[in-house]
Protein backbone atom coordinates (compact mmCIF):
# COMPACT_ATOMS: atom_id res chain seq x y z
CA MET A 1 10.21 4.93 -25.28
CA VAL A 2 10.17 1.57 -23.44
CA ASP A 3 7.16 -0.73 -24.20
CA VAL A 4 6.21 -2.12 -20.79
CA LYS A 5 3.64 -4.52 -22.11
CA GLY A 6 4.31 -7.98 -20.68
CA LYS A 7 7.01 -6.78 -18.36
CA TRP A 8 6.72 -7.00 -14.54
CA ALA A 9 6.83 -4.02 -12.25
CA LEU A 10 7.12 -4.15 -8.51
CA VAL A 11 5.12 -1.21 -7.12
CA THR A 12 5.55 -0.53 -3.43
CA GLY A 13 2.89 1.24 -1.47
CA ALA A 14 0.40 0.23 -4.10
CA ALA A 15 -2.66 -0.20 -1.94
CA ARG A 16 -3.55 3.46 -1.92
CA GLY A 17 -2.63 6.98 -2.97
CA ILE A 18 0.00 7.68 -5.53
CA GLY A 19 1.33 4.11 -5.43
CA LYS A 20 -2.02 2.73 -6.45
CA LEU A 21 -2.40 5.36 -9.24
CA ALA A 22 1.06 4.38 -10.49
CA ALA A 23 0.16 0.68 -10.45
CA GLU A 24 -3.04 1.43 -12.43
CA PHE A 25 -1.11 3.61 -14.91
CA MET A 26 1.35 0.77 -15.54
CA ALA A 27 -1.28 -1.86 -15.79
CA GLU A 28 -3.20 0.17 -18.30
CA LYS A 29 -0.07 0.09 -20.48
CA GLY A 30 -0.06 -3.71 -20.30
CA CYS A 31 2.56 -4.10 -17.54
CA ASN A 32 2.14 -6.99 -14.99
CA ILE A 33 2.22 -5.75 -11.46
CA ILE A 34 3.67 -7.06 -8.18
CA VAL A 35 1.46 -5.19 -5.77
CA GLN A 36 3.15 -4.43 -2.42
CA SER A 37 1.56 -3.02 0.64
CA ARG A 38 1.77 -3.64 4.42
CA THR A 39 -0.82 -6.46 4.37
CA VAL A 40 -1.63 -9.26 1.95
CA GLN A 41 -5.31 -8.29 2.16
CA ALA A 42 -4.66 -4.77 0.98
CA SER A 43 -2.40 -5.99 -1.85
CA GLU A 44 -5.00 -8.56 -2.95
CA LYS A 45 -7.67 -5.89 -3.05
CA THR A 46 -5.62 -3.68 -5.34
CA ALA A 47 -4.49 -6.70 -7.45
CA ALA A 48 -8.15 -7.66 -7.98
CA GLU A 49 -8.88 -4.10 -9.16
CA LEU A 50 -6.08 -4.31 -11.72
CA GLU A 51 -7.57 -7.37 -13.38
CA LYS A 52 -9.77 -5.09 -15.55
CA PHE A 53 -6.63 -4.19 -17.49
CA GLY A 54 -6.02 -7.81 -18.46
CA VAL A 55 -2.63 -8.07 -16.82
CA LYS A 56 -1.12 -10.60 -14.46
CA THR A 57 -0.66 -9.69 -10.78
CA LEU A 58 1.17 -10.96 -7.70
CA SER A 59 0.31 -9.82 -4.21
CA ALA A 60 3.10 -9.15 -1.80
CA ALA A 61 3.28 -7.75 1.71
CA ALA A 62 6.02 -6.37 4.00
CA GLU A 63 6.25 -4.01 6.95
CA PHE A 64 9.14 -1.72 6.06
CA THR A 65 10.01 -1.06 9.73
CA ASP A 66 10.86 -4.81 9.94
CA LEU A 67 13.77 -5.93 7.71
CA THR A 68 12.85 -9.60 8.42
CA SER A 69 9.51 -8.90 6.86
CA VAL A 70 11.16 -7.32 3.83
CA ARG A 71 13.51 -10.28 3.36
CA LYS A 72 10.53 -12.64 3.60
CA MET A 73 8.71 -10.73 0.92
CA LEU A 74 11.71 -10.80 -1.41
CA GLU A 75 12.08 -14.54 -0.87
CA GLU A 76 8.39 -15.07 -1.73
CA ILE A 77 8.73 -13.04 -4.89
CA ASP A 78 11.81 -15.10 -5.85
CA ALA A 79 9.85 -18.39 -5.09
CA SER A 80 7.12 -17.24 -7.49
CA GLY A 81 9.55 -17.34 -10.36
CA ILE A 82 8.78 -13.71 -11.25
CA THR A 83 11.68 -11.34 -11.83
CA PRO A 84 10.66 -7.69 -11.91
CA ASP A 85 11.91 -5.62 -14.80
CA ILE A 86 10.83 -2.35 -13.18
CA ILE A 87 10.74 -1.18 -9.55
CA LEU A 88 8.72 1.83 -8.47
CA ASN A 89 9.78 2.44 -4.86
CA ASN A 90 6.78 4.54 -3.96
CA ALA A 91 6.16 3.46 -0.28
CA GLY A 92 7.12 5.96 2.33
CA MET A 93 6.11 7.55 5.58
CA GLN A 94 6.35 10.93 7.26
CA VAL A 95 6.56 9.76 10.88
CA ALA A 96 6.03 13.00 12.77
CA TYR A 97 5.94 16.81 12.63
CA ARG A 98 7.86 18.27 15.57
CA THR A 99 6.96 21.91 16.17
CA ASP A 100 9.57 21.86 18.93
CA TYR A 101 12.19 20.46 16.63
CA CYS A 102 14.95 20.47 19.32
CA SER A 103 12.95 17.71 21.03
CA THR A 104 13.08 15.38 17.96
CA PRO A 105 13.65 11.92 19.35
CA ALA A 106 16.12 9.43 17.81
CA GLU A 107 13.17 7.16 17.05
CA ASP A 108 12.08 9.58 14.29
CA TYR A 109 15.31 9.00 12.46
CA GLU A 110 15.31 5.24 13.12
CA LYS A 111 11.84 4.61 11.82
CA SER A 112 12.22 7.08 8.92
CA PHE A 113 15.42 5.53 7.71
CA LEU A 114 14.04 1.96 7.90
CA ILE A 115 10.92 2.93 5.82
CA ASN A 116 12.25 5.57 3.44
CA THR A 117 15.88 4.54 2.82
CA ILE A 118 16.96 1.12 4.06
CA SER A 119 13.94 -1.02 2.99
CA PRO A 120 13.68 0.55 -0.51
CA MET A 121 17.41 0.06 -0.97
CA MET A 122 17.31 -3.60 0.22
CA ILE A 123 14.73 -4.06 -2.56
CA CYS A 124 17.05 -2.38 -5.09
CA TYR A 125 20.05 -4.43 -4.02
CA HIS A 126 18.12 -7.65 -4.18
CA PHE A 127 16.90 -7.20 -7.78
CA LEU A 128 19.62 -5.07 -9.33
CA PRO A 129 22.13 -7.87 -10.02
CA GLY A 130 19.49 -9.81 -12.00
CA MET A 131 18.64 -6.64 -14.02
CA ILE A 132 22.34 -6.22 -14.78
CA GLU A 133 22.71 -9.82 -15.81
CA ARG A 134 19.65 -9.62 -18.15
CA GLY A 135 20.70 -6.26 -19.48
CA PHE A 136 17.49 -4.37 -18.69
CA GLY A 137 15.95 -2.73 -15.73
CA ARG A 138 14.28 0.45 -14.50
CA ILE A 139 14.29 1.60 -10.88
CA VAL A 140 12.46 4.76 -9.80
CA ASN A 141 13.04 5.81 -6.19
CA THR A 142 10.60 8.28 -4.75
CA THR A 143 12.10 11.25 -2.93
CA SER A 144 10.75 14.45 -1.42
CA GLY A 145 11.19 18.15 -2.05
CA ILE A 146 10.91 18.98 1.64
CA ARG A 147 13.75 21.29 2.71
CA LEU A 148 14.43 23.90 5.39
CA GLU A 149 11.94 22.15 7.75
CA PRO A 150 13.71 20.75 10.82
CA GLU A 151 10.21 19.90 12.06
CA GLN A 152 10.34 16.97 9.62
CA ALA A 153 13.97 16.08 10.16
CA GLY A 154 13.68 12.29 10.17
CA TYR A 155 11.61 12.22 6.96
CA SER A 156 13.66 14.80 5.08
CA ALA A 157 17.03 13.24 6.15
CA SER A 158 15.93 9.73 5.12
CA LYS A 159 14.85 11.03 1.71
CA ALA A 160 18.14 12.91 1.25
CA ALA A 161 19.94 9.68 1.99
CA LEU A 162 17.84 7.89 -0.62
CA ASP A 163 18.81 10.63 -3.11
CA LYS A 164 22.47 10.20 -2.30
CA VAL A 165 22.64 6.45 -2.76
CA THR A 166 20.42 6.46 -5.86
CA ILE A 167 22.68 9.03 -7.59
CA ASP A 168 25.79 7.15 -6.53
CA ILE A 169 24.51 3.83 -7.92
CA GLY A 170 23.44 5.67 -11.03
CA SER A 171 27.08 6.64 -11.66
CA LYS A 172 27.87 2.91 -11.96
CA LEU A 173 24.89 2.16 -14.24
CA ASN A 174 25.12 5.22 -16.44
CA GLY A 175 25.37 4.28 -20.13
CA SER A 176 23.70 0.89 -19.56
CA ASP A 177 20.13 -0.27 -20.18
CA VAL A 178 19.65 -0.68 -16.40
CA MET A 179 18.64 2.75 -15.19
CA ILE A 180 17.97 4.21 -11.72
CA ASN A 181 16.43 7.60 -11.24
CA LEU A 182 14.43 9.66 -8.74
CA THR A 183 11.05 11.10 -8.69
CA ASP A 184 9.11 13.44 -6.41
CA PRO A 185 5.25 13.48 -6.60
CA GLY A 186 5.06 16.89 -5.09
CA TRP A 187 2.80 17.82 -2.15
CA CYS A 188 -0.41 15.89 -2.87
CA ARG A 189 -3.62 15.24 -0.99
CA THR A 190 -2.79 11.73 0.17
CA ASP A 191 -2.61 10.05 3.56
CA LEU A 192 1.01 11.26 3.77
CA GLY A 193 0.48 14.76 2.29
CA GLY A 194 -2.68 15.50 4.23
CA PRO A 195 -5.97 17.14 3.17
CA HIS A 196 -4.56 20.59 2.85
CA ALA A 197 -1.93 19.84 0.18
CA PRO A 198 -2.32 21.90 -2.99
CA ASN A 199 -2.11 19.11 -5.51
CA ALA A 200 -4.50 16.27 -6.43
CA PRO A 201 -2.78 12.85 -6.39
CA GLU A 202 -3.49 12.45 -10.08
CA SER A 203 -1.20 15.39 -10.80
CA ALA A 204 1.80 13.22 -9.95
CA LEU A 205 1.21 11.32 -13.23
CA PRO A 206 2.98 10.77 -15.50
CA GLY A 207 5.92 12.23 -13.55
CA VAL A 208 6.23 9.42 -10.97
CA VAL A 209 6.31 6.75 -13.64
CA VAL A 210 8.26 8.46 -16.46
CA GLY A 211 11.47 6.85 -15.19
CA ALA A 212 10.12 3.48 -16.18
CA PHE A 213 9.73 4.56 -19.81
CA VAL A 214 12.83 6.52 -20.54
CA ASP A 215 15.16 4.75 -22.86
CA ASP A 216 18.38 6.80 -23.21
CA LYS A 217 20.70 4.92 -20.81
CA LYS A 218 21.11 7.81 -18.36
CA SER A 219 20.84 7.36 -14.66
CA GLY A 220 20.82 9.48 -11.47
CA ARG A 221 18.40 12.09 -12.68
CA PHE A 222 15.53 13.79 -10.87
CA PHE A 223 12.13 13.57 -12.54
CA GLY A 224 9.96 15.74 -10.30
CA ALA A 225 6.26 15.35 -11.16
CA GLY A 226 5.89 19.11 -11.45
CA LEU A 227 8.08 19.01 -14.58
CA PHE A 228 5.45 16.93 -16.35
CA TYR A 229 2.06 18.31 -15.25
CA ASP A 230 -0.65 17.81 -17.88
CA MET A 231 1.72 16.11 -20.29
CA THR A 232 1.06 12.94 -22.33
CA LEU A 233 3.35 10.12 -21.50
CA GLU A 234 5.11 10.52 -24.82
CA ALA A 235 5.78 14.30 -24.19
CA ALA A 236 6.89 13.50 -20.68
CA VAL A 237 9.40 10.88 -21.87
CA GLU A 238 10.81 13.22 -24.48
CA LYS A 239 11.25 15.95 -21.79
CA ALA A 240 12.74 13.51 -19.35
CA GLU A 241 15.32 12.31 -21.86
CA SER A 242 16.37 15.88 -22.46
CA LEU A 243 17.50 16.21 -18.82
CA PRO A 244 21.25 15.49 -18.29
CA ALA A 245 22.61 12.97 -15.90
CA PRO A 246 24.52 14.47 -12.98
CA TYR A 247 27.92 13.09 -13.96
């Protein structure tokens, strides 16, 4: 199991919900955190709360519908001299629920793909070469189990695209110590999931972070949080490492 103490993790969507819980989980294990949210103020608030774990933090902000904003954030992280060892791409948005799904506008797809596919992958592409050069890296991209719901077409299609490119990149990294995998927190009571979701946000742990700790050089796997409910991190890692890569 990877010891994350002293490493740096970029956690997107870390100002609230599951992203914040993931950042706290990692910080508790001694991992330094780059806190990303839509505003510097929100990131700084979470970063201040992480200080109780005795770790270092860096606040970052980007609006994922604006690729110029994403590029600026990446440049600012580079300028800090910090190189993330771990990326938890948690940030995402369900833009609309269209009961009349035949009236779904193109804008649903455009916004969904920017937030849920393109921006996360720009982050991956930016930091992945450095991980490969250093010989270590962990990327966990957050997907969704939504299916057979054309009412949420933009969201589900953008997550399916993220799945595809993650698995495809994983085929190139498989067998190396730079690993990219997928997670799904399940339907949780967050701002995205809504108040009627069946699961507490805490139920997503350790599943949403287990991909940062696996150490078996396999990529392209799916680590749904439901596979790891009520497990210790050690038990979750053991189970995750038993899952085969899709190649």
